[in-house]
Amino acid sequence: MTARSCAIVREETAAGRLLATDTVDAAIARAREVGAGRDGLNVFVWRDDDGAKSQAASITDRLADTKPGAASADEDNATASGKRSGMWDPSS
């Protein structure tokens, strides 16, 4: 796998052209290759490779229900007073 932007990885994964598990495996392999742990570059203090692999295995279902740039339910759901729900209002 070559270097790709996050947006392209998301788009290709959602379209089924790229497996999230392959992306995670490539990221873990690259981190090992460059010595990203605390004994090398010290970029990662802690990693959960198994947890990342588990999340990647289930992401296809979660991505199928999203669209890049779409507002979340909280952002799209204004209350009757005109204030958006789920957002902190410093004047209250």
PDB file of N, CA and C in Angstrom:
ATOM      1  N   MET A   1       0.850  -1.177   0.000  1.00  0.00           N
ATOM      2  CA  MET A   1       0.000   0.000   0.000  1.00  0.00           C
ATOM      3  C   MET A   1       0.892   1.236   0.000  1.00  0.00           C
ATOM      4  N   THR A   2       0.520   2.198  -0.799  1.00  0.00           N
ATOM      5  CA  THR A   2       1.278   3.446  -0.852  1.00  0.00           C
ATOM      6  C   THR A   2       0.662   4.463   0.102  1.00  0.00           C
ATOM      7  N   ALA A   3       1.361   5.557   0.326  1.00  0.00           N
ATOM      8  CA  ALA A   3       0.830   6.622   1.180  1.00  0.00           C
ATOM      9  C   ALA A   3      -0.404   7.220   0.514  1.00  0.00           C
ATOM     10  N   ARG A   4      -1.462   7.407   1.282  1.00  0.00           N
ATOM     11  CA  ARG A   4      -2.714   7.973   0.768  1.00  0.00           C
ATOM     12  C   ARG A   4      -3.267   8.947   1.796  1.00  0.00           C
ATOM     13  N   SER A   5      -4.066   9.891   1.324  1.00  0.00           N
ATOM     14  CA  SER A   5      -4.701  10.813   2.260  1.00  0.00           C
ATOM     15  C   SER A   5      -5.820  10.082   2.999  1.00  0.00           C
ATOM     16  N   CYS A   6      -6.171  10.572   4.167  1.00  0.00           N
ATOM     17  CA  CYS A   6      -7.254   9.973   4.946  1.00  0.00           C
ATOM     18  C   CYS A   6      -8.564   9.980   4.167  1.00  0.00           C
ATOM     19  N   ALA A   7      -8.822  11.053   3.441  1.00  0.00           N
ATOM     20  CA  ALA A   7     -10.064  11.150   2.682  1.00  0.00           C
ATOM     21  C   ALA A   7     -10.132  10.069   1.604  1.00  0.00           C
ATOM     22  N   ILE A   8      -9.019   9.812   0.936  1.00  0.00           N
ATOM     23  CA  ILE A   8      -9.006   8.783  -0.100  1.00  0.00           C
ATOM     24  C   ILE A   8      -9.171   7.398   0.517  1.00  0.00           C
ATOM     25  N   VAL A   9      -8.501   7.151   1.628  1.00  0.00           N
ATOM     26  CA  VAL A   9      -8.634   5.857   2.305  1.00  0.00           C
ATOM     27  C   VAL A   9     -10.084   5.639   2.721  1.00  0.00           C
ATOM     28  N   ARG A  10     -10.730   6.671   3.286  1.00  0.00           N
ATOM     29  CA  ARG A  10     -12.122   6.558   3.705  1.00  0.00           C
ATOM     30  C   ARG A  10     -13.030   6.280   2.511  1.00  0.00           C
ATOM     31  N   GLU A  11     -12.839   7.024   1.431  1.00  0.00           N
ATOM     32  CA  GLU A  11     -13.660   6.864   0.230  1.00  0.00           C
ATOM     33  C   GLU A  11     -13.494   5.462  -0.369  1.00  0.00           C
ATOM     34  N   GLU A  12     -12.261   5.010  -0.484  1.00  0.00           N
ATOM     35  CA  GLU A  12     -12.003   3.691  -1.068  1.00  0.00           C
ATOM     36  C   GLU A  12     -12.515   2.566  -0.170  1.00  0.00           C
ATOM     37  N   THR A  13     -12.422   2.754   1.140  1.00  0.00           N
ATOM     38  CA  THR A  13     -12.935   1.749   2.068  1.00  0.00           C
ATOM     39  C   THR A  13     -14.458   1.689   1.998  1.00  0.00           C
ATOM     40  N   ALA A  14     -15.108   2.845   1.993  1.00  0.00           N
ATOM     41  CA  ALA A  14     -16.572   2.884   1.923  1.00  0.00           C
ATOM     42  C   ALA A  14     -17.079   2.291   0.616  1.00  0.00           C
ATOM     43  N   ALA A  15     -16.315   2.469  -0.468  1.00  0.00           N
ATOM     44  CA  ALA A  15     -16.713   1.944  -1.775  1.00  0.00           C
ATOM     45  C   ALA A  15     -16.383   0.456  -1.922  1.00  0.00           C
ATOM     46  N   GLY A  16     -15.676  -0.103  -0.964  1.00  0.00           N
ATOM     47  CA  GLY A  16     -15.340  -1.516  -1.018  1.00  0.00           C
ATOM     48  C   GLY A  16     -14.101  -1.828  -1.849  1.00  0.00           C
ATOM     49  N   ARG A  17     -13.371  -0.806  -2.249  1.00  0.00           N
ATOM     50  CA  ARG A  17     -12.152  -1.015  -3.043  1.00  0.00           C
ATOM     51  C   ARG A  17     -10.932  -1.251  -2.166  1.00  0.00           C
ATOM     52  N   LEU A  18     -11.043  -0.983  -0.888  1.00  0.00           N
ATOM     53  CA  LEU A  18      -9.937  -1.128   0.051  1.00  0.00           C
ATOM     54  C   LEU A  18     -10.507  -1.668   1.355  1.00  0.00           C
ATOM     55  N   LEU A  19      -9.837  -2.637   1.933  1.00  0.00           N
ATOM     56  CA  LEU A  19     -10.283  -3.185   3.213  1.00  0.00           C
ATOM     57  C   LEU A  19      -9.636  -2.416   4.357  1.00  0.00           C
ATOM     58  N   ALA A  20     -10.443  -2.073   5.348  1.00  0.00           N
ATOM     59  CA  ALA A  20      -9.910  -1.366   6.513  1.00  0.00           C
ATOM     60  C   ALA A  20      -8.850  -2.204   7.205  1.00  0.00           C
ATOM     61  N   THR A  21      -9.027  -3.513   7.193  1.00  0.00           N
ATOM     62  CA  THR A  21      -8.031  -4.383   7.823  1.00  0.00           C
ATOM     63  C   THR A  21      -6.680  -4.271   7.118  1.00  0.00           C
ATOM     64  N   ASP A  22      -6.690  -4.105   5.793  1.00  0.00           N
ATOM     65  CA  ASP A  22      -5.436  -3.930   5.053  1.00  0.00           C
ATOM     66  C   ASP A  22      -4.770  -2.605   5.423  1.00  0.00           C
ATOM     67  N   THR A  23      -5.585  -1.564   5.593  1.00  0.00           N
ATOM     68  CA  THR A  23      -5.047  -0.251   5.972  1.00  0.00           C
ATOM     69  C   THR A  23      -4.397  -0.318   7.349  1.00  0.00           C
ATOM     70  N   VAL A  24      -5.088  -0.948   8.293  1.00  0.00           N
ATOM     71  CA  VAL A  24      -4.546  -1.064   9.654  1.00  0.00           C
ATOM     72  C   VAL A  24      -3.281  -1.917   9.648  1.00  0.00           C
ATOM     73  N   ASP A  25      -3.310  -3.035   8.929  1.00  0.00           N
ATOM     74  CA  ASP A  25      -2.117  -3.884   8.857  1.00  0.00           C
ATOM     75  C   ASP A  25      -0.932  -3.111   8.281  1.00  0.00           C
ATOM     76  N   ALA A  26      -1.184  -2.311   7.230  1.00  0.00           N
ATOM     77  CA  ALA A  26      -0.117  -1.527   6.614  1.00  0.00           C
ATOM     78  C   ALA A  26       0.408  -0.464   7.581  1.00  0.00           C
ATOM     79  N   ALA A  27      -0.482   0.163   8.335  1.00  0.00           N
ATOM     80  CA  ALA A  27      -0.062   1.189   9.295  1.00  0.00           C
ATOM     81  C   ALA A  27       0.771   0.572  10.418  1.00  0.00           C
ATOM     82  N   ILE A  28       0.364  -0.581  10.902  1.00  0.00           N
ATOM     83  CA  ILE A  28       1.118  -1.258  11.959  1.00  0.00           C
ATOM     84  C   ILE A  28       2.486  -1.689  11.437  1.00  0.00           C
ATOM     85  N   ALA A  29       2.506  -2.230  10.224  1.00  0.00           N
ATOM     86  CA  ALA A  29       3.779  -2.657   9.630  1.00  0.00           C
ATOM     87  C   ALA A  29       4.718  -1.465   9.442  1.00  0.00           C
ATOM     88  N   ARG A  30       4.162  -0.341   8.986  1.00  0.00           N
ATOM     89  CA  ARG A  30       4.991   0.854   8.766  1.00  0.00           C
ATOM     90  C   ARG A  30       5.523   1.394  10.090  1.00  0.00           C
ATOM     91  N   ALA A  31       4.683   1.391  11.119  1.00  0.00           N
ATOM     92  CA  ALA A  31       5.134   1.855  12.436  1.00  0.00           C
ATOM     93  C   ALA A  31       6.290   0.999  12.937  1.00  0.00           C
ATOM     94  N   ARG A  32       6.187  -0.307  12.722  1.00  0.00           N
ATOM     95  CA  ARG A  32       7.291  -1.199  13.126  1.00  0.00           C
ATOM     96  C   ARG A  32       8.535  -0.940  12.281  1.00  0.00           C
ATOM     97  N   GLU A  33       8.328  -0.775  10.977  1.00  0.00           N
ATOM     98  CA  GLU A  33       9.429  -0.572  10.033  1.00  0.00           C
ATOM     99  C   GLU A  33      10.267   0.659  10.381  1.00  0.00           C
ATOM    100  N   VAL A  34       9.609   1.740  10.773  1.00  0.00           N
ATOM    101  CA  VAL A  34      10.335   2.981  11.068  1.00  0.00           C
ATOM    102  C   VAL A  34      10.695   3.120  12.546  1.00  0.00           C
ATOM    103  N   GLY A  35      10.329   2.122  13.347  1.00  0.00           N
ATOM    104  CA  GLY A  35      10.644   2.189  14.769  1.00  0.00           C
ATOM    105  C   GLY A  35       9.893   3.289  15.481  1.00  0.00           C
ATOM    106  N   ALA A  36       8.568   3.340  15.273  1.00  0.00           N
ATOM    107  CA  ALA A  36       7.767   4.435  15.821  1.00  0.00           C
ATOM    108  C   ALA A  36       7.508   4.319  17.322  1.00  0.00           C
ATOM    109  N   GLY A  37       7.849   3.214  17.935  1.00  0.00           N
ATOM    110  CA  GLY A  37       7.596   3.016  19.364  1.00  0.00           C
ATOM    111  C   GLY A  37       8.548   3.797  20.248  1.00  0.00           C
ATOM    112  N   ARG A  38       8.392   3.612  21.560  1.00  0.00           N
ATOM    113  CA  ARG A  38       9.192   4.417  22.496  1.00  0.00           C
ATOM    114  C   ARG A  38      10.684   4.094  22.455  1.00  0.00           C
ATOM    115  N   ASP A  39      11.051   2.933  21.893  1.00  0.00           N
ATOM    116  CA  ASP A  39      12.477   2.614  21.770  1.00  0.00           C
ATOM    117  C   ASP A  39      13.101   3.200  20.509  1.00  0.00           C
ATOM    118  N   GLY A  40      12.290   3.840  19.675  1.00  0.00           N
ATOM    119  CA  GLY A  40      12.798   4.422  18.432  1.00  0.00           C
ATOM    120  C   GLY A  40      12.447   5.883  18.340  1.00  0.00           C
ATOM    121  N   LEU A  41      11.517   6.186  17.433  1.00  0.00           N
ATOM    122  CA  LEU A  41      11.106   7.576  17.218  1.00  0.00           C
ATOM    123  C   LEU A  41      10.279   8.138  18.373  1.00  0.00           C
ATOM    124  N   ASN A  42       9.716   7.259  19.191  1.00  0.00           N
ATOM    125  CA  ASN A  42       8.888   7.649  20.332  1.00  0.00           C
ATOM    126  C   ASN A  42       7.643   8.426  19.897  1.00  0.00           C
ATOM    127  N   VAL A  43       7.096   8.064  18.721  1.00  0.00           N
ATOM    128  CA  VAL A  43       5.875   8.691  18.221  1.00  0.00           C
ATOM    129  C   VAL A  43       4.671   8.146  18.973  1.00  0.00           C
ATOM    130  N   PHE A  44       4.688   6.846  19.250  1.00  0.00           N
ATOM    131  CA  PHE A  44       3.590   6.205  19.970  1.00  0.00           C
ATOM    132  C   PHE A  44       4.079   5.805  21.349  1.00  0.00           C
ATOM    133  N   VAL A  45       3.404   6.281  22.364  1.00  0.00           N
ATOM    134  CA  VAL A  45       3.715   5.853  23.723  1.00  0.00           C
ATOM    135  C   VAL A  45       3.025   4.511  23.976  1.00  0.00           C
ATOM    136  N   TRP A  46       1.845   4.339  23.377  1.00  0.00           N
ATOM    137  CA  TRP A  46       1.057   3.131  23.582  1.00  0.00           C
ATOM    138  C   TRP A  46       0.256   2.854  22.324  1.00  0.00           C
ATOM    139  N   ARG A  47       0.145   1.596  21.943  1.00  0.00           N
ATOM    140  CA  ARG A  47      -0.657   1.179  20.793  1.00  0.00           C
ATOM    141  C   ARG A  47      -1.471  -0.024  21.186  1.00  0.00           C
ATOM    142  N   ASP A  48      -2.631  -0.170  20.580  1.00  0.00           N
ATOM    143  CA  ASP A  48      -3.473  -1.345  20.771  1.00  0.00           C
ATOM    144  C   ASP A  48      -3.699  -1.964  19.395  1.00  0.00           C
ATOM    145  N   ASP A  49      -2.719  -2.710  18.917  1.00  0.00           N
ATOM    146  CA  ASP A  49      -2.800  -3.295  17.588  1.00  0.00           C
ATOM    147  C   ASP A  49      -4.002  -4.232  17.453  1.00  0.00           C
ATOM    148  N   ASP A  50      -4.240  -5.058  18.469  1.00  0.00           N
ATOM    149  CA  ASP A  50      -5.381  -5.988  18.408  1.00  0.00           C
ATOM    150  C   ASP A  50      -6.703  -5.239  18.392  1.00  0.00           C
ATOM    151  N   GLY A  51      -6.809  -4.181  19.193  1.00  0.00           N
ATOM    152  CA  GLY A  51      -8.028  -3.370  19.204  1.00  0.00           C
ATOM    153  C   GLY A  51      -8.257  -2.680  17.872  1.00  0.00           C
ATOM    154  N   ALA A  52      -7.184  -2.171  17.274  1.00  0.00           N
ATOM    155  CA  ALA A  52      -7.286  -1.512  15.969  1.00  0.00           C
ATOM    156  C   ALA A  52      -7.734  -2.506  14.904  1.00  0.00           C
ATOM    157  N   LYS A  53      -7.187  -3.711  14.946  1.00  0.00           N
ATOM    158  CA  LYS A  53      -7.579  -4.746  13.986  1.00  0.00           C
ATOM    159  C   LYS A  53      -9.043  -5.137  14.172  1.00  0.00           C
ATOM    160  N   SER A  54      -9.484  -5.215  15.413  1.00  0.00           N
ATOM    161  CA  SER A  54     -10.881  -5.548  15.704  1.00  0.00           C
ATOM    162  C   SER A  54     -11.824  -4.473  15.178  1.00  0.00           C
ATOM    163  N   GLN A  55     -11.480  -3.210  15.404  1.00  0.00           N
ATOM    164  CA  GLN A  55     -12.304  -2.107  14.900  1.00  0.00           C
ATOM    165  C   GLN A  55     -12.318  -2.094  13.373  1.00  0.00           C
ATOM    166  N   ALA A  56     -11.182  -2.358  12.765  1.00  0.00           N
ATOM    167  CA  ALA A  56     -11.097  -2.374  11.297  1.00  0.00           C
ATOM    168  C   ALA A  56     -11.979  -3.469  10.709  1.00  0.00           C
ATOM    169  N   ALA A  57     -12.061  -4.591  11.395  1.00  0.00           N
ATOM    170  CA  ALA A  57     -12.865  -5.705  10.900  1.00  0.00           C
ATOM    171  C   ALA A  57     -14.357  -5.362  10.853  1.00  0.00           C
ATOM    172  N   SER A  58     -14.788  -4.424  11.678  1.00  0.00           N
ATOM    173  CA  SER A  58     -16.218  -4.085  11.720  1.00  0.00           C
ATOM    174  C   SER A  58     -16.544  -2.745  11.061  1.00  0.00           C
ATOM    175  N   ILE A  59     -15.561  -2.073  10.500  1.00  0.00           N
ATOM    176  CA  ILE A  59     -15.791  -0.717  10.001  1.00  0.00           C
ATOM    177  C   ILE A  59     -16.606  -0.661   8.710  1.00  0.00           C
ATOM    178  N   THR A  60     -16.571  -1.682   7.909  1.00  0.00           N
ATOM    179  CA  THR A  60     -17.308  -1.653   6.645  1.00  0.00           C
ATOM    180  C   THR A  60     -18.789  -1.381   6.882  1.00  0.00           C
ATOM    181  N   ASP A  61     -19.365  -2.035   7.871  1.00  0.00           N
ATOM    182  CA  ASP A  61     -20.781  -1.811   8.186  1.00  0.00           C
ATOM    183  C   ASP A  61     -21.024  -0.389   8.660  1.00  0.00           C
ATOM    184  N   ARG A  62     -20.107   0.148   9.458  1.00  0.00           N
ATOM    185  CA  ARG A  62     -20.286   1.501   9.978  1.00  0.00           C
ATOM    186  C   ARG A  62     -20.114   2.555   8.896  1.00  0.00           C
ATOM    187  N   LEU A  63     -19.205   2.345   7.960  1.00  0.00           N
ATOM    188  CA  LEU A  63     -18.993   3.315   6.885  1.00  0.00           C
ATOM    189  C   LEU A  63     -20.120   3.312   5.862  1.00  0.00           C
ATOM    190  N   ALA A  64     -20.796   2.204   5.717  1.00  0.00           N
ATOM    191  CA  ALA A  64     -21.864   2.110   4.727  1.00  0.00           C
ATOM    192  C   ALA A  64     -22.990   3.095   5.021  1.00  0.00           C
ATOM    193  N   ASP A  65     -23.076   3.558   6.262  1.00  0.00           N
ATOM    194  CA  ASP A  65     -24.158   4.448   6.676  1.00  0.00           C
ATOM    195  C   ASP A  65     -23.701   5.897   6.794  1.00  0.00           C
ATOM    196  N   THR A  66     -22.591   6.253   6.142  1.00  0.00           N
ATOM    197  CA  THR A  66     -22.077   7.618   6.242  1.00  0.00           C
ATOM    198  C   THR A  66     -21.764   8.172   4.866  1.00  0.00           C
ATOM    199  N   LYS A  67     -21.579   9.465   4.821  1.00  0.00           N
ATOM    200  CA  LYS A  67     -21.197  10.131   3.583  1.00  0.00           C
ATOM    201  C   LYS A  67     -20.198  11.225   3.951  1.00  0.00           C
ATOM    202  N   PRO A  68     -19.061  11.307   3.268  1.00  0.00           N
ATOM    203  CA  PRO A  68     -18.076  12.336   3.623  1.00  0.00           C
ATOM    204  C   PRO A  68     -18.688  13.732   3.594  1.00  0.00           C
ATOM    205  N   GLY A  69     -18.414  14.520   4.619  1.00  0.00           N
ATOM    206  CA  GLY A  69     -18.882  15.893   4.661  1.00  0.00           C
ATOM    207  C   GLY A  69     -20.312  16.063   5.137  1.00  0.00           C
ATOM    208  N   ALA A  70     -21.022  14.969   5.378  1.00  0.00           N
ATOM    209  CA  ALA A  70     -22.413  15.069   5.828  1.00  0.00           C
ATOM    210  C   ALA A  70     -22.446  15.489   7.293  1.00  0.00           C
ATOM    211  N   ALA A  71     -23.410  16.292   7.641  1.00  0.00           N
ATOM    212  CA  ALA A  71     -23.569  16.734   9.031  1.00  0.00           C
ATOM    213  C   ALA A  71     -24.021  15.565   9.881  1.00  0.00           C
ATOM    214  N   SER A  72     -23.570  15.544  11.127  1.00  0.00           N
ATOM    215  CA  SER A  72     -24.035  14.505  12.038  1.00  0.00           C
ATOM    216  C   SER A  72     -25.449  14.849  12.492  1.00  0.00           C
ATOM    217  N   ALA A  73     -26.107  13.891  13.122  1.00  0.00           N
ATOM    218  CA  ALA A  73     -27.467  14.122  13.602  1.00  0.00           C
ATOM    219  C   ALA A  73     -27.509  15.304  14.563  1.00  0.00           C
ATOM    220  N   ASP A  74     -26.510  15.426  15.439  1.00  0.00           N
ATOM    221  CA  ASP A  74     -26.477  16.538  16.382  1.00  0.00           C
ATOM    222  C   ASP A  74     -26.323  17.872  15.668  1.00  0.00           C
ATOM    223  N   GLU A  75     -25.493  17.919  14.645  1.00  0.00           N
ATOM    224  CA  GLU A  75     -25.272  19.165  13.924  1.00  0.00           C
ATOM    225  C   GLU A  75     -26.487  19.556  13.098  1.00  0.00           C
ATOM    226  N   ASP A  76     -27.275  18.582  12.706  1.00  0.00           N
ATOM    227  CA  ASP A  76     -28.387  18.816  11.801  1.00  0.00           C
ATOM    228  C   ASP A  76     -29.719  18.959  12.538  1.00  0.00           C
ATOM    229  N   ASN A  77     -29.707  18.883  13.856  1.00  0.00           N
ATOM    230  CA  ASN A  77     -30.939  18.818  14.616  1.00  0.00           C
ATOM    231  C   ASN A  77     -31.074  20.052  15.515  1.00  0.00           C
ATOM    232  N   ALA A  78     -31.592  21.131  14.980  1.00  0.00           N
ATOM    233  CA  ALA A  78     -31.760  22.357  15.760  1.00  0.00           C
ATOM    234  C   ALA A  78     -33.015  22.253  16.629  1.00  0.00           C
ATOM    235  N   THR A  79     -32.965  22.843  17.819  1.00  0.00           N
ATOM    236  CA  THR A  79     -34.121  22.837  18.708  1.00  0.00           C
ATOM    237  C   THR A  79     -35.077  23.955  18.323  1.00  0.00           C
ATOM    238  N   ALA A  80     -36.244  23.975  18.922  1.00  0.00           N
ATOM    239  CA  ALA A  80     -37.263  24.983  18.612  1.00  0.00           C
ATOM    240  C   ALA A  80     -36.767  26.401  18.911  1.00  0.00           C
ATOM    241  N   SER A  81     -35.865  26.541  19.874  1.00  0.00           N
ATOM    242  CA  SER A  81     -35.353  27.870  20.221  1.00  0.00           C
ATOM    243  C   SER A  81     -34.304  28.368  19.228  1.00  0.00           C
ATOM    244  N   GLY A  82     -33.960  27.520  18.272  1.00  0.00           N
ATOM    245  CA  GLY A  82     -32.950  27.909  17.297  1.00  0.00           C
ATOM    246  C   GLY A  82     -31.550  27.486  17.682  1.00  0.00           C
ATOM    247  N   LYS A  83     -31.382  27.006  18.904  1.00  0.00           N
ATOM    248  CA  LYS A  83     -30.072  26.521  19.334  1.00  0.00           C
ATOM    249  C   LYS A  83     -29.921  25.073  18.887  1.00  0.00           C
ATOM    250  N   ARG A  84     -28.752  24.725  18.485  1.00  0.00           N
ATOM    251  CA  ARG A  84     -28.520  23.351  18.052  1.00  0.00           C
ATOM    252  C   ARG A  84     -28.380  22.455  19.272  1.00  0.00           C
ATOM    253  N   SER A  85     -28.998  21.300  19.183  1.00  0.00           N
ATOM    254  CA  SER A  85     -28.905  20.359  20.297  1.00  0.00           C
ATOM    255  C   SER A  85     -27.512  19.770  20.354  1.00  0.00           C
ATOM    256  N   GLY A  86     -27.095  19.379  21.558  1.00  0.00           N
ATOM    257  CA  GLY A  86     -25.808  18.746  21.726  1.00  0.00           C
ATOM    258  C   GLY A  86     -24.628  19.690  21.742  1.00  0.00           C
ATOM    259  N   MET A  87     -24.888  20.987  21.660  1.00  0.00           N
ATOM    260  CA  MET A  87     -23.784  21.944  21.664  1.00  0.00           C
ATOM    261  C   MET A  87     -23.855  22.797  22.936  1.00  0.00           C
ATOM    262  N   TRP A  88     -22.722  23.095  23.499  1.00  0.00           N
ATOM    263  CA  TRP A  88     -22.662  23.879  24.717  1.00  0.00           C
ATOM    264  C   TRP A  88     -22.879  25.345  24.366  1.00  0.00           C
ATOM    265  N   ASP A  89     -23.729  26.013  25.128  1.00  0.00           N
ATOM    266  CA  ASP A  89     -24.014  27.418  24.903  1.00  0.00           C
ATOM    267  C   ASP A  89     -23.446  28.217  26.068  1.00  0.00           C
ATOM    268  N   PRO A  90     -22.385  29.005  25.832  1.00  0.00           N
ATOM    269  CA  PRO A  90     -21.748  29.731  26.932  1.00  0.00           C
ATOM    270  C   PRO A  90     -22.646  30.790  27.559  1.00  0.00           C
ATOM    271  N   SER A  91     -23.724  31.201  26.898  1.00  0.00           N
ATOM    272  CA  SER A  91     -24.596  32.239  27.451  1.00  0.00           C
ATOM    273  C   SER A  91     -25.623  31.659  28.431  1.00  0.00           C
ATOM    274  N   SER A  92     -25.704  30.334  28.546  1.00  0.00           N
ATOM    275  CA  SER A  92     -26.706  29.759  29.463  1.00  0.00           C
ATOM    276  C   SER A  92     -26.096  29.376  30.775  1.00  0.00           C
TER     277      SER A  92
END
